[in-house]
């Protein structure tokens, strides 16, 4: 049979016309072959082959069905963020495990640029979104609401109760971290913080923290203050350095803190990533952890258990967070109010009593 010539993009209607069957019969050949007689089915398939018709669009079929059986995980970051950041990597691994158990696909949706992020959110073939709102959470929420698909925010950095979200108890967790160090006998503290506001790195004061636009950093600071004040340590006596949660800003912060006449014997790090960077900086300068400086992180990422010494941290229950988030999206079971999950103090070798 010679190849049939049809101008332009080949459509199902072209196949039906060339095969001499109705479009419904042609459609059944591809979607419900069991209801079409064998000789008709083979004739239509051969005609399609001759025309160069690849078959119905999978995208169109999924959209018509209303479900694609996939979840999008979105962040206002380059795609490398999902693999480079320890917290994002741990959370993504937990979400992937839950999706594997239910046979659900996973799509990473990410971009620093607003226009690209807008397009990526609007074009993603997913049934809903899990939003990692560490940075730019309001932008993610706005774009996802425009898609009118189920979504849930994790690590939401504001207090908007209208946004379905799952978060950890930042105040309680931070209080437990500071209390652990104070109970060991530490009285000279410093905080290496995540962002309080956009485009700032450096020392921050009480007024700036109270007016912070990022609630996660603010709440963790409040937790530190509450615990330390029970031991007679005033908040104004605890230096706080705002970082970008990266190597350059953490090292600059440590240089600032350890240039003081009485440097800290205890560091409260608002992420495990910050804590591990600090441990490397201290080791490079001959300062021992925990003999010279004790450090507590926050997150409970797997890498924290592999450092030498192991990192004491406030561990987030990643598996529970992932289970709640995936279920909320797939079953459209959004929490009616912001869900809060407790974190757990995991004591390892990075904390000890200060030198007498």
C-alpha atoms as a PDB file:
ATOM      1  CA  UNK A   1       0.000   0.000   0.000  1.00  0.00           C
ATOM      2  CA  UNK A   2       1.508   3.333  -1.015  1.00  0.00           C
ATOM      3  CA  UNK A   3       1.867   6.077   1.573  1.00  0.00           C
ATOM      4  CA  UNK A   4      -1.169   8.371   1.471  1.00  0.00           C
ATOM      5  CA  UNK A   5      -0.495  12.071   1.047  1.00  0.00           C
ATOM      6  CA  UNK A   6      -2.311  14.487   3.344  1.00  0.00           C
ATOM      7  CA  UNK A   7      -1.194  18.093   3.744  1.00  0.00           C
ATOM      8  CA  UNK A   8      -0.519  19.523   7.194  1.00  0.00           C
ATOM      9  CA  UNK A   9      -0.763  17.842  10.602  1.00  0.00           C
ATOM     10  CA  UNK A  10      -2.470  14.449  10.475  1.00  0.00           C
ATOM     11  CA  UNK A  11      -5.535  14.230  12.674  1.00  0.00           C
ATOM     12  CA  UNK A  12      -7.807  11.373  13.672  1.00  0.00           C
ATOM     13  CA  UNK A  13     -10.475  12.719  11.306  1.00  0.00           C
ATOM     14  CA  UNK A  14      -8.025  12.327   8.393  1.00  0.00           C
ATOM     15  CA  UNK A  15      -7.441   8.702   9.321  1.00  0.00           C
ATOM     16  CA  UNK A  16     -11.175   7.996   9.546  1.00  0.00           C
ATOM     17  CA  UNK A  17     -11.842   9.597   6.176  1.00  0.00           C
ATOM     18  CA  UNK A  18      -8.993   7.746   4.457  1.00  0.00           C
ATOM     19  CA  UNK A  19     -10.049   4.415   6.015  1.00  0.00           C
ATOM     20  CA  UNK A  20     -13.709   4.941   5.128  1.00  0.00           C
ATOM     21  CA  UNK A  21     -14.956   4.634   8.712  1.00  0.00           C
ATOM     22  CA  UNK A  22     -16.606   7.041  11.143  1.00  0.00           C
ATOM     23  CA  UNK A  23     -14.448   9.128  13.470  1.00  0.00           C
ATOM     24  CA  UNK A  24     -16.003   7.292  16.416  1.00  0.00           C
ATOM     25  CA  UNK A  25     -14.849   3.937  15.024  1.00  0.00           C
ATOM     26  CA  UNK A  26     -11.367   5.323  14.410  1.00  0.00           C
ATOM     27  CA  UNK A  27     -11.270   6.649  17.967  1.00  0.00           C
ATOM     28  CA  UNK A  28     -12.281   3.253  19.357  1.00  0.00           C
ATOM     29  CA  UNK A  29      -9.446   1.592  17.449  1.00  0.00           C
ATOM     30  CA  UNK A  30      -6.977   3.542  19.593  1.00  0.00           C
ATOM     31  CA  UNK A  31      -8.846   3.873  22.896  1.00  0.00           C
ATOM     32  CA  UNK A  32     -11.168   0.804  22.998  1.00  0.00           C
ATOM     33  CA  UNK A  33      -9.784  -1.691  20.446  1.00  0.00           C
ATOM     34  CA  UNK A  34     -11.762  -4.590  21.954  1.00  0.00           C
ATOM     35  CA  UNK A  35     -15.066  -3.159  20.644  1.00  0.00           C
ATOM     36  CA  UNK A  36     -13.864  -2.972  17.010  1.00  0.00           C
ATOM     37  CA  UNK A  37     -13.848  -5.980  14.648  1.00  0.00           C
ATOM     38  CA  UNK A  38     -10.331  -7.243  14.016  1.00  0.00           C
ATOM     39  CA  UNK A  39     -10.357  -6.637  10.262  1.00  0.00           C
ATOM     40  CA  UNK A  40     -11.631  -3.067  10.717  1.00  0.00           C
ATOM     41  CA  UNK A  41      -9.096  -2.410  13.455  1.00  0.00           C
ATOM     42  CA  UNK A  42      -6.193  -3.631  11.331  1.00  0.00           C
ATOM     43  CA  UNK A  43      -7.379  -1.621   8.337  1.00  0.00           C
ATOM     44  CA  UNK A  44      -7.580   1.599  10.366  1.00  0.00           C
ATOM     45  CA  UNK A  45      -4.174   1.020  11.962  1.00  0.00           C
ATOM     46  CA  UNK A  46      -2.590   0.376   8.586  1.00  0.00           C
ATOM     47  CA  UNK A  47      -4.176   3.549   7.200  1.00  0.00           C
ATOM     48  CA  UNK A  48      -2.859   5.498  10.197  1.00  0.00           C
ATOM     49  CA  UNK A  49       0.619   4.111   9.609  1.00  0.00           C
ATOM     50  CA  UNK A  50       0.536   5.095   5.964  1.00  0.00           C
ATOM     51  CA  UNK A  51      -0.573   8.611   6.854  1.00  0.00           C
ATOM     52  CA  UNK A  52       2.085   8.938   9.536  1.00  0.00           C
ATOM     53  CA  UNK A  53      -0.494   9.404  12.291  1.00  0.00           C
ATOM     54  CA  UNK A  54       1.205   8.686  15.665  1.00  0.00           C
ATOM     55  CA  UNK A  55      -1.993   8.136  17.632  1.00  0.00           C
ATOM     56  CA  UNK A  56      -4.136  10.339  19.878  1.00  0.00           C
ATOM     57  CA  UNK A  57      -2.374  12.943  21.998  1.00  0.00           C
ATOM     58  CA  UNK A  58      -1.662  11.534  25.439  1.00  0.00           C
ATOM     59  CA  UNK A  59      -1.804  15.053  26.853  1.00  0.00           C
ATOM     60  CA  UNK A  60      -5.240  15.642  25.361  1.00  0.00           C
ATOM     61  CA  UNK A  61      -6.507  12.302  26.589  1.00  0.00           C
ATOM     62  CA  UNK A  62      -5.319  12.989  30.122  1.00  0.00           C
ATOM     63  CA  UNK A  63      -6.816  16.465  30.164  1.00  0.00           C
ATOM     64  CA  UNK A  64     -10.161  15.152  28.914  1.00  0.00           C
ATOM     65  CA  UNK A  65     -10.093  12.527  31.662  1.00  0.00           C
ATOM     66  CA  UNK A  66      -9.580  15.290  34.243  1.00  0.00           C
ATOM     67  CA  UNK A  67      -6.764  13.422  36.059  1.00  0.00           C
ATOM     68  CA  UNK A  68      -3.127  12.869  35.142  1.00  0.00           C
ATOM     69  CA  UNK A  69      -2.141  11.010  38.343  1.00  0.00           C
ATOM     70  CA  UNK A  70       0.794  13.289  39.077  1.00  0.00           C
ATOM     71  CA  UNK A  71       1.711  15.893  41.686  1.00  0.00           C
ATOM     72  CA  UNK A  72       3.802  18.988  41.084  1.00  0.00           C
ATOM     73  CA  UNK A  73       6.347  20.085  43.690  1.00  0.00           C
ATOM     74  CA  UNK A  74       7.019  23.784  43.160  1.00  0.00           C
ATOM     75  CA  UNK A  75       9.579  26.282  44.439  1.00  0.00           C
ATOM     76  CA  UNK A  76      10.766  29.775  43.551  1.00  0.00           C
ATOM     77  CA  UNK A  77      14.265  28.476  42.901  1.00  0.00           C
ATOM     78  CA  UNK A  78      16.308  27.001  40.044  1.00  0.00           C
ATOM     79  CA  UNK A  79      15.764  23.264  39.553  1.00  0.00           C
ATOM     80  CA  UNK A  80      19.127  22.542  41.174  1.00  0.00           C
ATOM     81  CA  UNK A  81      17.598  23.651  44.504  1.00  0.00           C
ATOM     82  CA  UNK A  82      15.719  20.363  44.812  1.00  0.00           C
ATOM     83  CA  UNK A  83      19.026  18.491  44.742  1.00  0.00           C
ATOM     84  CA  UNK A  84      21.450  20.942  46.369  1.00  0.00           C
ATOM     85  CA  UNK A  85      19.505  22.058  49.454  1.00  0.00           C
ATOM     86  CA  UNK A  86      19.509  19.360  52.189  1.00  0.00           C
ATOM     87  CA  UNK A  87      16.024  20.244  53.486  1.00  0.00           C
ATOM     88  CA  UNK A  88      14.431  20.311  50.026  1.00  0.00           C
ATOM     89  CA  UNK A  89      16.207  17.079  49.111  1.00  0.00           C
ATOM     90  CA  UNK A  90      15.005  15.283  52.246  1.00  0.00           C
ATOM     91  CA  UNK A  91      11.436  16.495  51.814  1.00  0.00           C
ATOM     92  CA  UNK A  92      11.380  15.604  48.114  1.00  0.00           C
ATOM     93  CA  UNK A  93      12.652  12.101  48.912  1.00  0.00           C
ATOM     94  CA  UNK A  94       9.840  11.648  51.443  1.00  0.00           C
ATOM     95  CA  UNK A  95       7.215  12.896  48.956  1.00  0.00           C
ATOM     96  CA  UNK A  96       8.628  10.581  46.270  1.00  0.00           C
ATOM     97  CA  UNK A  97       8.339   7.602  48.610  1.00  0.00           C
ATOM     98  CA  UNK A  98       4.666   8.348  49.299  1.00  0.00           C
ATOM     99  CA  UNK A  99       4.009   8.831  45.573  1.00  0.00           C
ATOM    100  CA  UNK A 100       5.759   5.547  44.752  1.00  0.00           C
ATOM    101  CA  UNK A 101       3.498   3.699  47.161  1.00  0.00           C
ATOM    102  CA  UNK A 102       0.399   5.002  45.392  1.00  0.00           C
ATOM    103  CA  UNK A 103       1.747   4.863  41.834  1.00  0.00           C
ATOM    104  CA  UNK A 104       1.602   8.646  41.521  1.00  0.00           C
ATOM    105  CA  UNK A 105       3.921  10.623  39.257  1.00  0.00           C
ATOM    106  CA  UNK A 106       6.018  13.551  40.420  1.00  0.00           C
ATOM    107  CA  UNK A 107       6.887  16.731  38.509  1.00  0.00           C
ATOM    108  CA  UNK A 108       9.370  19.372  39.631  1.00  0.00           C
ATOM    109  CA  UNK A 109       8.164  22.892  38.876  1.00  0.00           C
ATOM    110  CA  UNK A 110      10.701  25.609  39.512  1.00  0.00           C
ATOM    111  CA  UNK A 111      12.147  28.898  38.275  1.00  0.00           C
ATOM    112  CA  UNK A 112      13.715  32.014  39.765  1.00  0.00           C
ATOM    113  CA  UNK A 113      12.320  34.193  36.980  1.00  0.00           C
ATOM    114  CA  UNK A 114       8.689  35.251  37.530  1.00  0.00           C
ATOM    115  CA  UNK A 115       7.634  34.846  33.886  1.00  0.00           C
ATOM    116  CA  UNK A 116       9.182  31.389  33.576  1.00  0.00           C
ATOM    117  CA  UNK A 117       7.670  30.316  36.884  1.00  0.00           C
ATOM    118  CA  UNK A 118       4.268  31.594  35.737  1.00  0.00           C
ATOM    119  CA  UNK A 119       4.493  29.498  32.571  1.00  0.00           C
ATOM    120  CA  UNK A 120       5.836  26.431  34.403  1.00  0.00           C
ATOM    121  CA  UNK A 121       2.983  26.508  36.919  1.00  0.00           C
ATOM    122  CA  UNK A 122       0.294  27.051  34.288  1.00  0.00           C
ATOM    123  CA  UNK A 123       1.586  24.408  31.879  1.00  0.00           C
ATOM    124  CA  UNK A 124       2.430  21.617  34.343  1.00  0.00           C
ATOM    125  CA  UNK A 125       0.425  18.419  33.740  1.00  0.00           C
ATOM    126  CA  UNK A 126      -0.434  17.678  37.364  1.00  0.00           C
ATOM    127  CA  UNK A 127      -3.488  17.136  39.557  1.00  0.00           C
ATOM    128  CA  UNK A 128      -2.277  19.597  42.176  1.00  0.00           C
ATOM    129  CA  UNK A 129       0.759  21.151  43.799  1.00  0.00           C
ATOM    130  CA  UNK A 130       2.911  20.890  46.904  1.00  0.00           C
ATOM    131  CA  UNK A 131       4.499  24.299  47.384  1.00  0.00           C
ATOM    132  CA  UNK A 132       7.875  24.705  49.084  1.00  0.00           C
ATOM    133  CA  UNK A 133       7.399  28.225  50.379  1.00  0.00           C
ATOM    134  CA  UNK A 134      10.772  28.849  52.000  1.00  0.00           C
ATOM    135  CA  UNK A 135      11.193  31.827  49.659  1.00  0.00           C
ATOM    136  CA  UNK A 136       8.619  33.612  47.512  1.00  0.00           C
ATOM    137  CA  UNK A 137       5.701  31.744  49.045  1.00  0.00           C
ATOM    138  CA  UNK A 138       3.138  34.430  48.231  1.00  0.00           C
ATOM    139  CA  UNK A 139       4.126  34.282  44.552  1.00  0.00           C
ATOM    140  CA  UNK A 140       3.712  30.501  44.458  1.00  0.00           C
ATOM    141  CA  UNK A 141       0.346  30.679  46.180  1.00  0.00           C
ATOM    142  CA  UNK A 142      -0.943  33.348  43.792  1.00  0.00           C
ATOM    143  CA  UNK A 143       0.102  31.471  40.638  1.00  0.00           C
ATOM    144  CA  UNK A 144      -1.224  28.154  41.903  1.00  0.00           C
ATOM    145  CA  UNK A 145      -4.570  29.650  42.873  1.00  0.00           C
ATOM    146  CA  UNK A 146      -4.906  30.871  39.289  1.00  0.00           C
ATOM    147  CA  UNK A 147      -4.617  27.242  38.099  1.00  0.00           C
ATOM    148  CA  UNK A 148      -7.608  26.352  40.315  1.00  0.00           C
ATOM    149  CA  UNK A 149      -6.039  23.038  41.280  1.00  0.00           C
ATOM    150  CA  UNK A 150      -5.669  21.628  44.801  1.00  0.00           C
ATOM    151  CA  UNK A 151      -2.468  22.791  46.513  1.00  0.00           C
ATOM    152  CA  UNK A 152      -0.873  22.751  49.911  1.00  0.00           C
ATOM    153  CA  UNK A 153       1.968  24.939  51.194  1.00  0.00           C
ATOM    154  CA  UNK A 154       4.904  23.669  53.236  1.00  0.00           C
ATOM    155  CA  UNK A 155       7.185  25.970  55.260  1.00  0.00           C
ATOM    156  CA  UNK A 156       4.846  28.865  54.516  1.00  0.00           C
ATOM    157  CA  UNK A 157       6.596  32.069  55.532  1.00  0.00           C
ATOM    158  CA  UNK A 158       3.560  34.152  56.426  1.00  0.00           C
ATOM    159  CA  UNK A 159       0.509  33.939  58.680  1.00  0.00           C
ATOM    160  CA  UNK A 160      -2.228  33.843  55.998  1.00  0.00           C
ATOM    161  CA  UNK A 161      -4.751  31.415  57.489  1.00  0.00           C
ATOM    162  CA  UNK A 162      -6.610  31.150  54.165  1.00  0.00           C
ATOM    163  CA  UNK A 163      -3.744  29.171  52.613  1.00  0.00           C
ATOM    164  CA  UNK A 164      -3.980  25.393  53.175  1.00  0.00           C
ATOM    165  CA  UNK A 165      -0.661  24.494  54.749  1.00  0.00           C
ATOM    166  CA  UNK A 166       1.300  22.069  56.874  1.00  0.00           C
ATOM    167  CA  UNK A 167       4.076  23.542  58.978  1.00  0.00           C
ATOM    168  CA  UNK A 168       6.260  22.549  61.902  1.00  0.00           C
ATOM    169  CA  UNK A 169       6.155  24.047  65.374  1.00  0.00           C
ATOM    170  CA  UNK A 170       8.958  26.561  64.912  1.00  0.00           C
ATOM    171  CA  UNK A 171       8.512  28.323  68.257  1.00  0.00           C
ATOM    172  CA  UNK A 172       8.383  25.107  70.279  1.00  0.00           C
ATOM    173  CA  UNK A 173      11.207  23.473  68.351  1.00  0.00           C
ATOM    174  CA  UNK A 174      13.516  26.457  68.692  1.00  0.00           C
ATOM    175  CA  UNK A 175      12.739  26.694  72.420  1.00  0.00           C
ATOM    176  CA  UNK A 176      13.713  23.040  72.857  1.00  0.00           C
ATOM    177  CA  UNK A 177      16.997  23.606  70.998  1.00  0.00           C
ATOM    178  CA  UNK A 178      17.962  26.624  73.109  1.00  0.00           C
ATOM    179  CA  UNK A 179      16.797  24.936  76.300  1.00  0.00           C
ATOM    180  CA  UNK A 180      19.001  21.907  75.589  1.00  0.00           C
ATOM    181  CA  UNK A 181      22.111  24.078  75.332  1.00  0.00           C
ATOM    182  CA  UNK A 182      21.206  26.181  78.357  1.00  0.00           C
ATOM    183  CA  UNK A 183      20.647  23.069  80.464  1.00  0.00           C
ATOM    184  CA  UNK A 184      24.154  21.924  79.516  1.00  0.00           C
ATOM    185  CA  UNK A 185      25.425  25.145  81.136  1.00  0.00           C
ATOM    186  CA  UNK A 186      25.959  27.458  78.153  1.00  0.00           C
ATOM    187  CA  UNK A 187      25.404  31.174  78.716  1.00  0.00           C
ATOM    188  CA  UNK A 188      27.121  32.783  75.717  1.00  0.00           C
ATOM    189  CA  UNK A 189      24.855  32.209  72.711  1.00  0.00           C
ATOM    190  CA  UNK A 190      24.697  33.358  69.111  1.00  0.00           C
ATOM    191  CA  UNK A 191      22.132  32.689  66.377  1.00  0.00           C
ATOM    192  CA  UNK A 192      22.884  32.039  62.714  1.00  0.00           C
ATOM    193  CA  UNK A 193      19.523  32.798  61.166  1.00  0.00           C
ATOM    194  CA  UNK A 194      17.747  32.195  57.903  1.00  0.00           C
ATOM    195  CA  UNK A 195      16.203  35.213  56.168  1.00  0.00           C
ATOM    196  CA  UNK A 196      14.026  37.704  58.029  1.00  0.00           C
ATOM    197  CA  UNK A 197      13.533  39.926  54.971  1.00  0.00           C
ATOM    198  CA  UNK A 198      14.619  40.147  51.359  1.00  0.00           C
ATOM    199  CA  UNK A 199      18.070  41.284  50.274  1.00  0.00           C
ATOM    200  CA  UNK A 200      19.728  41.530  53.666  1.00  0.00           C
ATOM    201  CA  UNK A 201      22.677  39.759  55.245  1.00  0.00           C
ATOM    202  CA  UNK A 202      24.244  40.775  58.537  1.00  0.00           C
ATOM    203  CA  UNK A 203      23.497  41.486  62.199  1.00  0.00           C
ATOM    204  CA  UNK A 204      19.847  42.140  63.026  1.00  0.00           C
ATOM    205  CA  UNK A 205      18.222  43.800  66.022  1.00  0.00           C
ATOM    206  CA  UNK A 206      15.109  43.023  68.032  1.00  0.00           C
ATOM    207  CA  UNK A 207      12.926  45.570  66.212  1.00  0.00           C
ATOM    208  CA  UNK A 208      13.895  44.185  62.788  1.00  0.00           C
ATOM    209  CA  UNK A 209      13.103  40.645  63.894  1.00  0.00           C
ATOM    210  CA  UNK A 210       9.706  41.614  65.293  1.00  0.00           C
ATOM    211  CA  UNK A 211       8.863  43.208  61.918  1.00  0.00           C
ATOM    212  CA  UNK A 212      10.244  40.337  59.825  1.00  0.00           C
ATOM    213  CA  UNK A 213       8.327  39.369  56.690  1.00  0.00           C
ATOM    214  CA  UNK A 214       9.383  35.721  56.978  1.00  0.00           C
ATOM    215  CA  UNK A 215       7.553  34.130  59.869  1.00  0.00           C
ATOM    216  CA  UNK A 216       9.682  30.967  60.032  1.00  0.00           C
ATOM    217  CA  UNK A 217      12.831  32.871  61.008  1.00  0.00           C
ATOM    218  CA  UNK A 218      10.883  35.191  63.309  1.00  0.00           C
ATOM    219  CA  UNK A 219       9.141  32.312  65.101  1.00  0.00           C
ATOM    220  CA  UNK A 220      12.351  30.370  65.619  1.00  0.00           C
ATOM    221  CA  UNK A 221      13.957  33.457  67.110  1.00  0.00           C
ATOM    222  CA  UNK A 222      10.989  33.903  69.449  1.00  0.00           C
ATOM    223  CA  UNK A 223      11.389  30.296  70.553  1.00  0.00           C
ATOM    224  CA  UNK A 224      15.091  30.828  71.289  1.00  0.00           C
ATOM    225  CA  UNK A 225      14.312  33.977  73.281  1.00  0.00           C
ATOM    226  CA  UNK A 226      11.562  32.339  75.318  1.00  0.00           C
ATOM    227  CA  UNK A 227      13.765  29.454  76.404  1.00  0.00           C
ATOM    228  CA  UNK A 228      16.858  31.535  77.142  1.00  0.00           C
ATOM    229  CA  UNK A 229      14.946  34.085  79.183  1.00  0.00           C
ATOM    230  CA  UNK A 230      13.951  31.311  81.630  1.00  0.00           C
ATOM    231  CA  UNK A 231      17.685  30.914  82.296  1.00  0.00           C
ATOM    232  CA  UNK A 232      18.193  34.630  82.846  1.00  0.00           C
ATOM    233  CA  UNK A 233      19.670  35.314  79.408  1.00  0.00           C
ATOM    234  CA  UNK A 234      18.282  38.526  77.937  1.00  0.00           C
ATOM    235  CA  UNK A 235      17.378  38.624  74.251  1.00  0.00           C
ATOM    236  CA  UNK A 236      19.479  41.752  73.708  1.00  0.00           C
ATOM    237  CA  UNK A 237      22.522  39.783  74.869  1.00  0.00           C
ATOM    238  CA  UNK A 238      22.157  37.161  72.094  1.00  0.00           C
ATOM    239  CA  UNK A 239      23.737  38.347  68.811  1.00  0.00           C
ATOM    240  CA  UNK A 240      21.780  37.276  65.732  1.00  0.00           C
ATOM    241  CA  UNK A 241      23.292  37.194  62.257  1.00  0.00           C
ATOM    242  CA  UNK A 242      21.011  36.863  59.221  1.00  0.00           C
ATOM    243  CA  UNK A 243      22.384  34.616  56.451  1.00  0.00           C
ATOM    244  CA  UNK A 244      21.233  33.449  53.038  1.00  0.00           C
ATOM    245  CA  UNK A 245      21.571  29.844  54.193  1.00  0.00           C
ATOM    246  CA  UNK A 246      24.684  29.519  52.031  1.00  0.00           C
ATOM    247  CA  UNK A 247      28.418  29.103  52.548  1.00  0.00           C
ATOM    248  CA  UNK A 248      29.484  32.688  51.865  1.00  0.00           C
ATOM    249  CA  UNK A 249      27.026  34.394  54.219  1.00  0.00           C
ATOM    250  CA  UNK A 250      27.415  31.779  56.975  1.00  0.00           C
ATOM    251  CA  UNK A 251      31.194  32.166  56.967  1.00  0.00           C
ATOM    252  CA  UNK A 252      30.896  35.964  57.024  1.00  0.00           C
ATOM    253  CA  UNK A 253      28.533  35.649  59.976  1.00  0.00           C
ATOM    254  CA  UNK A 254      30.926  33.399  61.867  1.00  0.00           C
ATOM    255  CA  UNK A 255      33.807  35.797  61.292  1.00  0.00           C
ATOM    256  CA  UNK A 256      31.642  38.563  62.760  1.00  0.00           C
ATOM    257  CA  UNK A 257      30.529  36.534  65.779  1.00  0.00           C
ATOM    258  CA  UNK A 258      33.967  35.159  66.638  1.00  0.00           C
ATOM    259  CA  UNK A 259      35.668  38.539  66.392  1.00  0.00           C
ATOM    260  CA  UNK A 260      33.836  39.580  69.572  1.00  0.00           C
ATOM    261  CA  UNK A 261      35.836  39.850  72.835  1.00  0.00           C
ATOM    262  CA  UNK A 262      33.776  36.995  74.272  1.00  0.00           C
ATOM    263  CA  UNK A 263      32.762  34.735  71.370  1.00  0.00           C
ATOM    264  CA  UNK A 264      29.858  32.342  71.804  1.00  0.00           C
ATOM    265  CA  UNK A 265      30.233  28.888  73.248  1.00  0.00           C
ATOM    266  CA  UNK A 266      26.887  27.831  71.744  1.00  0.00           C
ATOM    267  CA  UNK A 267      25.451  28.417  68.273  1.00  0.00           C
ATOM    268  CA  UNK A 268      21.774  28.072  67.424  1.00  0.00           C
ATOM    269  CA  UNK A 269      21.550  27.461  63.667  1.00  0.00           C
ATOM    270  CA  UNK A 270      18.153  27.856  61.997  1.00  0.00           C
ATOM    271  CA  UNK A 271      18.879  25.079  59.502  1.00  0.00           C
ATOM    272  CA  UNK A 272      21.015  21.960  59.447  1.00  0.00           C
ATOM    273  CA  UNK A 273      22.688  23.343  56.340  1.00  0.00           C
ATOM    274  CA  UNK A 274      23.836  26.410  58.287  1.00  0.00           C
ATOM    275  CA  UNK A 275      24.965  24.212  61.188  1.00  0.00           C
ATOM    276  CA  UNK A 276      27.034  21.916  58.977  1.00  0.00           C
ATOM    277  CA  UNK A 277      28.658  24.870  57.202  1.00  0.00           C
ATOM    278  CA  UNK A 278      29.491  26.321  60.617  1.00  0.00           C
ATOM    279  CA  UNK A 279      31.067  23.060  61.767  1.00  0.00           C
ATOM    280  CA  UNK A 280      33.321  23.057  58.708  1.00  0.00           C
ATOM    281  CA  UNK A 281      34.352  26.689  59.311  1.00  0.00           C
ATOM    282  CA  UNK A 282      35.149  26.042  62.970  1.00  0.00           C
ATOM    283  CA  UNK A 283      37.187  22.923  62.185  1.00  0.00           C
ATOM    284  CA  UNK A 284      39.222  24.837  59.588  1.00  0.00           C
ATOM    285  CA  UNK A 285      40.168  27.344  62.299  1.00  0.00           C
ATOM    286  CA  UNK A 286      41.152  24.784  64.894  1.00  0.00           C
ATOM    287  CA  UNK A 287      38.014  25.164  67.004  1.00  0.00           C
ATOM    288  CA  UNK A 288      36.597  21.877  68.217  1.00  0.00           C
ATOM    289  CA  UNK A 289      32.911  20.917  68.257  1.00  0.00           C
ATOM    290  CA  UNK A 290      31.640  20.449  70.946  1.00  0.00           C
ATOM    291  CA  UNK A 291      34.689  21.116  73.160  1.00  0.00           C
ATOM    292  CA  UNK A 292      35.039  24.768  72.136  1.00  0.00           C
ATOM    293  CA  UNK A 293      31.629  25.412  70.569  1.00  0.00           C
ATOM    294  CA  UNK A 294      28.355  23.487  70.716  1.00  0.00           C
ATOM    295  CA  UNK A 295      25.959  23.658  67.765  1.00  0.00           C
ATOM    296  CA  UNK A 296      22.279  22.752  67.348  1.00  0.00           C
ATOM    297  CA  UNK A 297      20.688  22.696  63.897  1.00  0.00           C
ATOM    298  CA  UNK A 298      17.082  22.570  62.764  1.00  0.00           C
ATOM    299  CA  UNK A 299      15.524  20.153  60.231  1.00  0.00           C
ATOM    300  CA  UNK A 300      16.856  16.647  60.830  1.00  0.00           C
ATOM    301  CA  UNK A 301      18.280  16.044  57.357  1.00  0.00           C
ATOM    302  CA  UNK A 302      20.079  12.704  56.868  1.00  0.00           C
ATOM    303  CA  UNK A 303      23.448  14.404  56.303  1.00  0.00           C
ATOM    304  CA  UNK A 304      23.370  15.670  59.890  1.00  0.00           C
ATOM    305  CA  UNK A 305      23.830  12.138  61.158  1.00  0.00           C
ATOM    306  CA  UNK A 306      26.920  11.658  58.975  1.00  0.00           C
ATOM    307  CA  UNK A 307      29.002  14.596  60.199  1.00  0.00           C
ATOM    308  CA  UNK A 308      31.843  14.155  62.678  1.00  0.00           C
ATOM    309  CA  UNK A 309      30.637  14.666  65.324  1.00  0.00           C
ATOM    310  CA  UNK A 310      26.995  14.008  64.522  1.00  0.00           C
ATOM    311  CA  UNK A 311      24.783  17.087  64.496  1.00  0.00           C
ATOM    312  CA  UNK A 312      22.323  17.681  67.306  1.00  0.00           C
ATOM    313  CA  UNK A 313      19.151  18.976  65.681  1.00  0.00           C
ATOM    314  CA  UNK A 314      15.423  19.517  65.815  1.00  0.00           C
ATOM    315  CA  UNK A 315      14.155  16.829  63.449  1.00  0.00           C
ATOM    316  CA  UNK A 316      11.138  17.403  61.239  1.00  0.00           C
ATOM    317  CA  UNK A 317       8.990  14.298  60.593  1.00  0.00           C
ATOM    318  CA  UNK A 318       9.496  14.339  56.817  1.00  0.00           C
ATOM    319  CA  UNK A 319       7.530  11.130  56.230  1.00  0.00           C
ATOM    320  CA  UNK A 320       4.491  12.446  58.101  1.00  0.00           C
ATOM    321  CA  UNK A 321       4.647  15.829  56.361  1.00  0.00           C
ATOM    322  CA  UNK A 322       4.890  14.147  52.953  1.00  0.00           C
ATOM    323  CA  UNK A 323       2.015  11.766  53.710  1.00  0.00           C
ATOM    324  CA  UNK A 324      -0.279  14.623  54.756  1.00  0.00           C
ATOM    325  CA  UNK A 325       0.678  16.777  51.783  1.00  0.00           C
ATOM    326  CA  UNK A 326       0.239  14.076  49.135  1.00  0.00           C
ATOM    327  CA  UNK A 327      -3.058  12.918  50.621  1.00  0.00           C
ATOM    328  CA  UNK A 328      -4.360  16.495  50.739  1.00  0.00           C
ATOM    329  CA  UNK A 329      -3.652  16.984  47.022  1.00  0.00           C
ATOM    330  CA  UNK A 330      -4.748  13.606  45.679  1.00  0.00           C
ATOM    331  CA  UNK A 331      -7.881  13.348  47.791  1.00  0.00           C
ATOM    332  CA  UNK A 332      -8.589  17.090  47.682  1.00  0.00           C
ATOM    333  CA  UNK A 333      -8.584  16.929  51.476  1.00  0.00           C
ATOM    334  CA  UNK A 334      -7.180  20.341  52.278  1.00  0.00           C
ATOM    335  CA  UNK A 335      -6.842  21.214  55.990  1.00  0.00           C
ATOM    336  CA  UNK A 336      -9.444  23.758  57.036  1.00  0.00           C
ATOM    337  CA  UNK A 337      -6.804  25.541  59.107  1.00  0.00           C
ATOM    338  CA  UNK A 338      -3.048  25.592  59.225  1.00  0.00           C
ATOM    339  CA  UNK A 339      -1.788  22.211  60.455  1.00  0.00           C
ATOM    340  CA  UNK A 340       1.184  22.279  62.804  1.00  0.00           C
ATOM    341  CA  UNK A 341       3.438  19.302  63.487  1.00  0.00           C
ATOM    342  CA  UNK A 342       5.892  19.012  66.376  1.00  0.00           C
ATOM    343  CA  UNK A 343       9.619  18.498  65.855  1.00  0.00           C
ATOM    344  CA  UNK A 344      11.858  16.261  67.953  1.00  0.00           C
ATOM    345  CA  UNK A 345      15.178  17.002  69.637  1.00  0.00           C
ATOM    346  CA  UNK A 346      17.808  14.538  68.388  1.00  0.00           C
ATOM    347  CA  UNK A 347      20.928  14.739  70.572  1.00  0.00           C
ATOM    348  CA  UNK A 348      24.217  13.797  68.936  1.00  0.00           C
ATOM    349  CA  UNK A 349      27.857  14.692  69.463  1.00  0.00           C
ATOM    350  CA  UNK A 350      27.808  18.383  68.444  1.00  0.00           C
ATOM    351  CA  UNK A 351      26.582  19.515  71.885  1.00  0.00           C
ATOM    352  CA  UNK A 352      28.207  19.214  75.314  1.00  0.00           C
ATOM    353  CA  UNK A 353      28.772  21.246  78.461  1.00  0.00           C
ATOM    354  CA  UNK A 354      31.019  24.303  77.975  1.00  0.00           C
ATOM    355  CA  UNK A 355      34.594  24.298  79.209  1.00  0.00           C
ATOM    356  CA  UNK A 356      34.768  25.206  82.863  1.00  0.00           C
END
